[in-house]
Amino acid sequence: MRFLDKMRETVTRISHGKAGYRFVDFYHYRKNRDRGSIVREIGMVSLGVLFLAIGVVGVLLPVLPGFLFLIPGIAVFVARSRLLAVGLDRLELHLRRLLK
């Protein structure tokens, strides 16, 4: 149950963040928290890769809801890469301008 609570917290924190800053803010939040052991980090990255793979398959095949797996997979990597966090914030602002 603790894992699902953390996933909900992650999704809530990212989705309620300020546009253009939400991913970098989450990166800093995650960086300031205690990370735990290296085994846990390897497990989380492996889980992120698994979620991304299932998400891509779900997007390509209409059998699985791909977005439900892509979002947690991206969150795992955003929490561990500042470069990815900055890139996603910029992409979000660019897409918002295009949609207006």
C-alpha atoms as a PDB file:
ATOM      1  CA  MET A   1       0.000   0.000   0.000  1.00  0.00           C
ATOM      2  CA  ARG A   2       2.856   2.361   0.734  1.00  0.00           C
ATOM      3  CA  PHE A   3       4.047   2.176  -2.889  1.00  0.00           C
ATOM      4  CA  LEU A   4       0.622   3.203  -4.234  1.00  0.00           C
ATOM      5  CA  ASP A   5       0.447   6.074  -1.759  1.00  0.00           C
ATOM      6  CA  LYS A   6       3.823   7.349  -2.950  1.00  0.00           C
ATOM      7  CA  MET A   7       2.745   7.065  -6.589  1.00  0.00           C
ATOM      8  CA  ARG A   8      -0.424   9.047  -5.837  1.00  0.00           C
ATOM      9  CA  GLU A   9       1.611  11.676  -4.026  1.00  0.00           C
ATOM     10  CA  THR A  10       3.998  11.929  -6.967  1.00  0.00           C
ATOM     11  CA  VAL A  11       1.221  12.321  -9.535  1.00  0.00           C
ATOM     12  CA  THR A  12      -0.583  14.858  -7.327  1.00  0.00           C
ATOM     13  CA  ARG A  13       2.576  16.881  -6.690  1.00  0.00           C
ATOM     14  CA  ILE A  14       3.446  17.033 -10.399  1.00  0.00           C
ATOM     15  CA  SER A  15      -0.096  17.716 -11.625  1.00  0.00           C
ATOM     16  CA  HIS A  16      -0.691  20.525  -9.103  1.00  0.00           C
ATOM     17  CA  GLY A  17       2.651  22.207  -9.758  1.00  0.00           C
ATOM     18  CA  LYS A  18       2.965  25.537 -11.554  1.00  0.00           C
ATOM     19  CA  ALA A  19       3.190  25.218 -15.331  1.00  0.00           C
ATOM     20  CA  GLY A  20       6.760  25.573 -16.515  1.00  0.00           C
ATOM     21  CA  TYR A  21       8.183  24.683 -13.110  1.00  0.00           C
ATOM     22  CA  ARG A  22       6.364  21.537 -12.044  1.00  0.00           C
ATOM     23  CA  PHE A  23       8.981  19.003 -13.136  1.00  0.00           C
ATOM     24  CA  VAL A  24      12.009  20.923 -11.840  1.00  0.00           C
ATOM     25  CA  ASP A  25      10.195  21.548  -8.559  1.00  0.00           C
ATOM     26  CA  PHE A  26       9.503  17.826  -8.275  1.00  0.00           C
ATOM     27  CA  TYR A  27      13.140  17.045  -9.072  1.00  0.00           C
ATOM     28  CA  HIS A  28      14.303  19.343  -6.239  1.00  0.00           C
ATOM     29  CA  TYR A  29      11.688  17.944  -3.859  1.00  0.00           C
ATOM     30  CA  ARG A  30      12.836  14.412  -4.617  1.00  0.00           C
ATOM     31  CA  LYS A  31      16.522  15.332  -4.393  1.00  0.00           C
ATOM     32  CA  ASN A  32      16.078  16.867  -0.931  1.00  0.00           C
ATOM     33  CA  ARG A  33      14.315  13.766   0.391  1.00  0.00           C
ATOM     34  CA  ASP A  34      16.203  10.751   1.641  1.00  0.00           C
ATOM     35  CA  ARG A  35      16.834   8.493  -1.346  1.00  0.00           C
ATOM     36  CA  GLY A  36      17.481   5.234   0.440  1.00  0.00           C
ATOM     37  CA  SER A  37      19.797   2.462  -0.682  1.00  0.00           C
ATOM     38  CA  ILE A  38      21.373   1.890  -4.069  1.00  0.00           C
ATOM     39  CA  VAL A  39      19.367  -1.324  -4.415  1.00  0.00           C
ATOM     40  CA  ARG A  40      16.155   0.689  -4.032  1.00  0.00           C
ATOM     41  CA  GLU A  41      17.331   3.204  -6.649  1.00  0.00           C
ATOM     42  CA  ILE A  42      18.132   0.418  -9.120  1.00  0.00           C
ATOM     43  CA  GLY A  43      14.730  -1.113  -8.437  1.00  0.00           C
ATOM     44  CA  MET A  44      12.946   2.199  -9.035  1.00  0.00           C
ATOM     45  CA  VAL A  45      14.794   2.839 -12.302  1.00  0.00           C
ATOM     46  CA  SER A  46      13.984  -0.707 -13.424  1.00  0.00           C
ATOM     47  CA  LEU A  47      10.341  -0.121 -12.544  1.00  0.00           C
ATOM     48  CA  GLY A  48      10.425   3.152 -14.504  1.00  0.00           C
ATOM     49  CA  VAL A  49      11.796   1.367 -17.562  1.00  0.00           C
ATOM     50  CA  LEU A  50       9.116  -1.303 -17.219  1.00  0.00           C
ATOM     51  CA  PHE A  51       6.344   1.318 -16.952  1.00  0.00           C
ATOM     52  CA  LEU A  52       7.686   3.172 -20.005  1.00  0.00           C
ATOM     53  CA  ALA A  53       7.891  -0.040 -22.035  1.00  0.00           C
ATOM     54  CA  ILE A  54       4.338  -1.048 -21.105  1.00  0.00           C
ATOM     55  CA  GLY A  55       3.180   2.493 -21.835  1.00  0.00           C
ATOM     56  CA  VAL A  56       4.715   2.514 -25.305  1.00  0.00           C
ATOM     57  CA  VAL A  57       3.174  -0.859 -26.089  1.00  0.00           C
ATOM     58  CA  GLY A  58      -0.148   0.441 -24.736  1.00  0.00           C
ATOM     59  CA  VAL A  59      -0.006   3.498 -26.977  1.00  0.00           C
ATOM     60  CA  LEU A  60       0.801   1.399 -30.048  1.00  0.00           C
ATOM     61  CA  LEU A  61      -1.746  -1.332 -29.310  1.00  0.00           C
ATOM     62  CA  PRO A  62      -5.295  -0.448 -28.325  1.00  0.00           C
ATOM     63  CA  VAL A  63      -5.316  -3.224 -25.710  1.00  0.00           C
ATOM     64  CA  LEU A  64      -3.700  -1.293 -22.817  1.00  0.00           C
ATOM     65  CA  PRO A  65      -4.218   2.301 -21.657  1.00  0.00           C
ATOM     66  CA  GLY A  66      -0.685   3.519 -22.411  1.00  0.00           C
ATOM     67  CA  PHE A  67      -0.967   6.874 -20.658  1.00  0.00           C
ATOM     68  CA  LEU A  68      -1.613   5.188 -17.310  1.00  0.00           C
ATOM     69  CA  PHE A  69       1.820   3.567 -17.543  1.00  0.00           C
ATOM     70  CA  LEU A  70       3.737   6.371 -19.272  1.00  0.00           C
ATOM     71  CA  ILE A  71       3.068   8.981 -16.581  1.00  0.00           C
ATOM     72  CA  PRO A  72       4.544   7.009 -13.641  1.00  0.00           C
ATOM     73  CA  GLY A  73       7.446   5.881 -15.825  1.00  0.00           C
ATOM     74  CA  ILE A  74       8.269   9.471 -16.754  1.00  0.00           C
ATOM     75  CA  ALA A  75       7.906  10.537 -13.106  1.00  0.00           C
ATOM     76  CA  VAL A  76      10.561   8.022 -12.057  1.00  0.00           C
ATOM     77  CA  PHE A  77      13.081   9.540 -14.449  1.00  0.00           C
ATOM     78  CA  VAL A  78      12.116  13.164 -13.847  1.00  0.00           C
ATOM     79  CA  ALA A  79      12.822  12.618 -10.156  1.00  0.00           C
ATOM     80  CA  ARG A  80      16.357  11.540 -11.023  1.00  0.00           C
ATOM     81  CA  SER A  81      17.369  13.799 -13.938  1.00  0.00           C
ATOM     82  CA  ARG A  82      17.435  17.604 -13.773  1.00  0.00           C
ATOM     83  CA  LEU A  83      18.050  17.807 -17.516  1.00  0.00           C
ATOM     84  CA  LEU A  84      14.914  15.794 -18.250  1.00  0.00           C
ATOM     85  CA  ALA A  85      12.920  17.890 -15.764  1.00  0.00           C
ATOM     86  CA  VAL A  86      13.992  21.161 -17.416  1.00  0.00           C
ATOM     87  CA  GLY A  87      13.252  19.723 -20.862  1.00  0.00           C
ATOM     88  CA  LEU A  88       9.743  18.638 -19.877  1.00  0.00           C
ATOM     89  CA  ASP A  89       8.995  22.038 -18.341  1.00  0.00           C
ATOM     90  CA  ARG A  90      10.066  23.763 -21.554  1.00  0.00           C
ATOM     91  CA  LEU A  91       8.105  21.279 -23.664  1.00  0.00           C
ATOM     92  CA  GLU A  92       5.004  21.904 -21.563  1.00  0.00           C
ATOM     93  CA  LEU A  93       5.235  25.685 -22.047  1.00  0.00           C
ATOM     94  CA  HIS A  94       5.831  25.261 -25.782  1.00  0.00           C
ATOM     95  CA  LEU A  95       2.843  22.931 -26.166  1.00  0.00           C
ATOM     96  CA  ARG A  96       0.625  25.307 -24.179  1.00  0.00           C
ATOM     97  CA  ARG A  97       1.577  28.158 -26.538  1.00  0.00           C
ATOM     98  CA  LEU A  98       0.843  25.987 -29.582  1.00  0.00           C
ATOM     99  CA  LEU A  99      -2.575  25.005 -28.240  1.00  0.00           C
ATOM    100  CA  LYS A 100      -3.645  28.630 -27.701  1.00  0.00           C
END
